[in-house]
Amino acid sequence: MANLIRRDPIRDLLSWNRSMERMINSLYDDGELGFGEPLNLRLPLDVIENDDEFVVKANVAGMDPDNLEITYTDNNLSLKGEIKNEYEEGEEGRYHIRERRYGTFQRTISMPGSVDVENIQAETENGILMIHLPKKEEVKPRRIEIKGGKKQNVIEGKSKNK
């Protein structure tokens, strides 16, 4: 005998709502979503590699560099910081739209190579944090010459048109 399942649209809608809340909360490290609540923010990064170094770029517009902490340990680069809440009740009036977030963030990434720790440098310009992580000499690419090949003769000539 077949079982009948009774559909409850309200229960389905509430279940979908809870799923969406979990998904949105996971975007902010399970922070609270709501007006005036601080969030645990995620800091978006770019990591670029060239022959001599790795460069990490992060948007830190409006953030005081004194509120940033950068550490490098065991091939892991960690960035910690805080975006301060500048809102005081009644100071600026009431918000109609408030999209800029505030709160703390922490981001740790594993670097894919050996870094010269003594020469790491960081700077900010136009709201972009740039961290330069130079490679150690032993990991920089080197051109290797192949011995035993034939040398090609070069023919030199002069052009008739001078």
Protein backbone atom coordinates (compact mmCIF):
# COMPACT_ATOMS: atom_id res chain seq x y z
CA MET A 1 0.00 0.00 0.00
CA ALA A 2 1.33 3.45 -0.93
CA ASN A 3 1.89 6.11 1.73
CA LEU A 4 0.44 9.54 1.16
CA ILE A 5 2.57 12.53 2.17
CA ARG A 6 0.66 15.61 3.07
CA ARG A 7 2.35 18.78 1.83
CA ASP A 8 2.44 21.77 4.16
CA PRO A 9 3.43 24.89 2.20
CA ILE A 10 4.04 26.95 5.38
CA ARG A 11 6.44 24.34 6.79
CA ASP A 12 8.22 24.15 3.41
CA LEU A 13 8.56 27.93 3.31
CA LEU A 14 9.97 28.06 6.86
CA SER A 15 12.42 25.29 6.04
CA TRP A 16 13.58 27.19 2.95
CA ASN A 17 13.90 30.38 5.03
CA ARG A 18 16.11 28.62 7.64
CA SER A 19 18.29 27.23 4.84
CA MET A 20 18.78 30.69 3.36
CA GLU A 21 19.64 32.15 6.79
CA ARG A 22 22.29 29.45 7.32
CA MET A 23 23.77 30.12 3.88
CA ILE A 24 23.91 33.90 4.41
CA ASN A 25 25.35 33.52 7.91
CA SER A 26 28.08 31.24 6.59
CA LEU A 27 29.19 34.05 4.27
CA TYR A 28 30.00 36.14 7.34
CA ASP A 29 31.62 33.45 9.51
CA ASP A 30 28.34 32.76 11.28
CA GLY A 31 28.02 36.40 12.33
CA GLU A 32 24.70 37.93 13.27
CA LEU A 33 22.78 39.65 10.52
CA GLY A 34 20.75 42.58 11.65
CA PHE A 35 20.82 46.32 11.93
CA GLY A 36 23.58 47.53 14.18
CA GLU A 37 25.11 44.09 14.76
CA PRO A 38 28.83 43.65 14.06
CA LEU A 39 29.84 41.00 11.56
CA ASN A 40 32.85 38.76 11.31
CA LEU A 41 33.87 39.94 7.87
CA ARG A 42 35.77 38.09 5.19
CA LEU A 43 38.56 40.04 3.57
CA PRO A 44 38.74 39.39 -0.19
CA LEU A 45 42.31 38.93 -1.44
CA ASP A 46 44.29 38.60 -4.64
CA VAL A 47 47.55 36.63 -4.59
CA ILE A 48 49.88 37.22 -7.53
CA GLU A 49 53.14 35.38 -8.23
CA ASN A 50 55.94 36.61 -10.44
CA ASP A 51 59.56 35.48 -10.81
CA ASP A 52 60.83 37.33 -7.73
CA GLU A 53 57.94 37.54 -5.28
CA PHE A 54 54.36 36.93 -4.25
CA VAL A 55 52.13 39.99 -3.95
CA VAL A 56 48.97 39.92 -1.84
CA LYS A 57 46.42 42.68 -2.47
CA ALA A 58 43.43 43.42 -0.22
CA ASN A 59 40.83 46.19 -0.14
CA VAL A 60 41.15 48.09 3.13
CA ALA A 61 39.50 51.37 2.14
CA GLY A 62 38.60 53.52 5.11
CA MET A 63 40.54 51.32 7.54
CA ASP A 64 43.22 52.68 9.83
CA PRO A 65 46.50 50.80 9.17
CA ASP A 66 47.01 50.74 12.96
CA ASN A 67 43.97 48.42 13.16
CA LEU A 68 45.66 45.85 10.88
CA GLU A 69 47.89 43.03 12.06
CA ILE A 70 49.94 41.03 9.55
CA THR A 71 51.89 37.92 10.61
CA TYR A 72 53.79 35.25 8.69
CA THR A 73 54.45 31.86 10.30
CA ASP A 74 55.23 28.46 8.73
CA ASN A 75 54.29 29.54 5.17
CA ASN A 76 50.98 30.99 6.44
CA LEU A 77 50.15 34.66 6.00
CA SER A 78 47.57 35.96 8.49
CA LEU A 79 45.70 39.25 8.31
CA LYS A 80 43.63 40.47 11.25
CA GLY A 81 41.83 43.72 11.56
CA GLU A 82 38.81 45.67 12.57
CA ILE A 83 36.58 48.12 10.79
CA LYS A 84 35.28 50.45 13.47
CA ASN A 85 31.62 51.36 13.77
CA GLU A 86 31.49 55.08 13.21
CA TYR A 87 27.76 55.35 13.90
CA GLU A 88 26.60 57.02 17.06
CA GLU A 89 22.88 57.11 17.78
CA GLY A 90 21.47 60.50 16.78
CA GLU A 91 24.84 61.91 15.76
CA GLU A 92 24.32 61.81 11.99
CA GLY A 93 20.58 61.36 11.83
CA ARG A 94 18.87 58.17 10.81
CA TYR A 95 19.96 55.85 8.04
CA HIS A 96 17.77 55.04 5.07
CA ILE A 97 20.35 52.66 3.59
CA ARG A 98 23.24 51.16 5.50
CA GLU A 99 25.37 48.75 3.48
CA ARG A 100 28.89 49.44 4.73
CA ARG A 101 29.86 46.77 7.22
CA TYR A 102 31.92 46.95 10.34
CA GLY A 103 33.41 44.39 12.66
CA THR A 104 36.47 42.19 12.88
CA PHE A 105 38.04 39.95 10.29
CA GLN A 106 40.77 37.36 10.18
CA ARG A 107 42.13 35.69 7.08
CA THR A 108 44.92 33.11 6.85
CA ILE A 109 46.28 31.80 3.57
CA SER A 110 48.98 29.23 2.85
CA MET A 111 51.68 30.56 0.59
CA PRO A 112 52.71 28.17 -2.19
CA GLY A 113 56.47 28.63 -1.87
CA SER A 114 59.40 29.51 0.29
CA VAL A 115 59.40 33.18 1.32
CA ASP A 116 62.30 35.34 2.48
CA VAL A 117 60.70 36.32 5.81
CA GLU A 118 63.26 39.00 6.66
CA ASN A 119 62.31 41.10 3.61
CA ILE A 120 58.49 41.05 3.70
CA GLN A 121 57.07 44.55 3.19
CA ALA A 122 53.54 45.96 3.40
CA GLU A 123 52.12 49.27 2.19
CA THR A 124 48.75 50.89 1.60
CA GLU A 125 47.86 53.15 -1.27
CA ASN A 126 44.41 54.36 -2.34
CA GLY A 127 42.69 51.88 -0.02
CA ILE A 128 44.64 48.84 -1.28
CA LEU A 129 46.93 46.91 1.07
CA MET A 130 49.87 45.39 -0.82
CA ILE A 131 52.08 42.83 0.89
CA HIS A 132 55.30 41.93 -0.93
CA LEU A 133 56.65 38.49 -0.04
CA PRO A 134 60.00 38.01 -1.82
CA LYS A 135 60.99 34.47 -2.78
CA LYS A 136 64.12 32.89 -1.38
CA GLU A 137 66.96 32.55 -3.88
CA GLU A 138 66.70 28.76 -4.05
CA VAL A 139 63.11 28.87 -5.33
CA LYS A 140 63.54 31.54 -7.99
CA PRO A 141 63.45 30.11 -11.52
CA ARG A 142 66.80 29.87 -13.28
CA ARG A 143 67.59 29.23 -16.91
CA ILE A 144 69.63 26.05 -17.26
CA GLU A 145 72.02 25.87 -20.19
CA ILE A 146 72.16 22.58 -22.06
CA LYS A 147 75.70 21.45 -22.90
CA GLY A 148 76.68 19.26 -25.79
CA GLY A 149 74.48 20.83 -28.43
CA LYS A 150 75.78 21.97 -31.82
CA LYS A 151 76.64 25.60 -32.19
CA GLN A 152 74.96 27.26 -35.14
CA ASN A 153 77.06 29.35 -37.49
CA VAL A 154 75.90 32.91 -37.93
CA ILE A 155 76.15 34.41 -41.42
CA GLU A 156 76.83 38.12 -41.43
CA GLY A 157 76.17 40.32 -44.43
CA LYS A 158 75.94 43.93 -45.46
CA SER A 159 72.92 45.63 -46.93
CA LYS A 160 73.24 47.27 -50.34
CA ASN A 161 71.09 50.18 -49.21
CA LYS A 162 73.02 52.52 -46.96
